[in-house]
Amino acid sequence: MAGVGCMIYGVAEGFKVMQFFFGVCIVLGSFALHFIRKKDWDAHWQEMDQIREAHEKRMAEEEEKKK
């Protein structure tokens, strides 16, 4: 939102290069962070599934020992 605002302000005020440049940087940075976070979350959920499966396996083994 701020990036788009900077770009619009830069163009509306007679194409101020610095405002437009920083607007583009903000927008590109936002997209980059979105995709990085998505990748990190996918890795996080995969790790959580592995931990859950290991825990369930260990609990099943403990139940077997009790019987």
Foldseek 3Di string as FASTA:
>chain_A
DCLVVLLVVCVVVPNDPVSPVVSVVVVVVVVVVVVVVVVVVVVVVVVVVVVVVVVVVVVVVVVVVVD
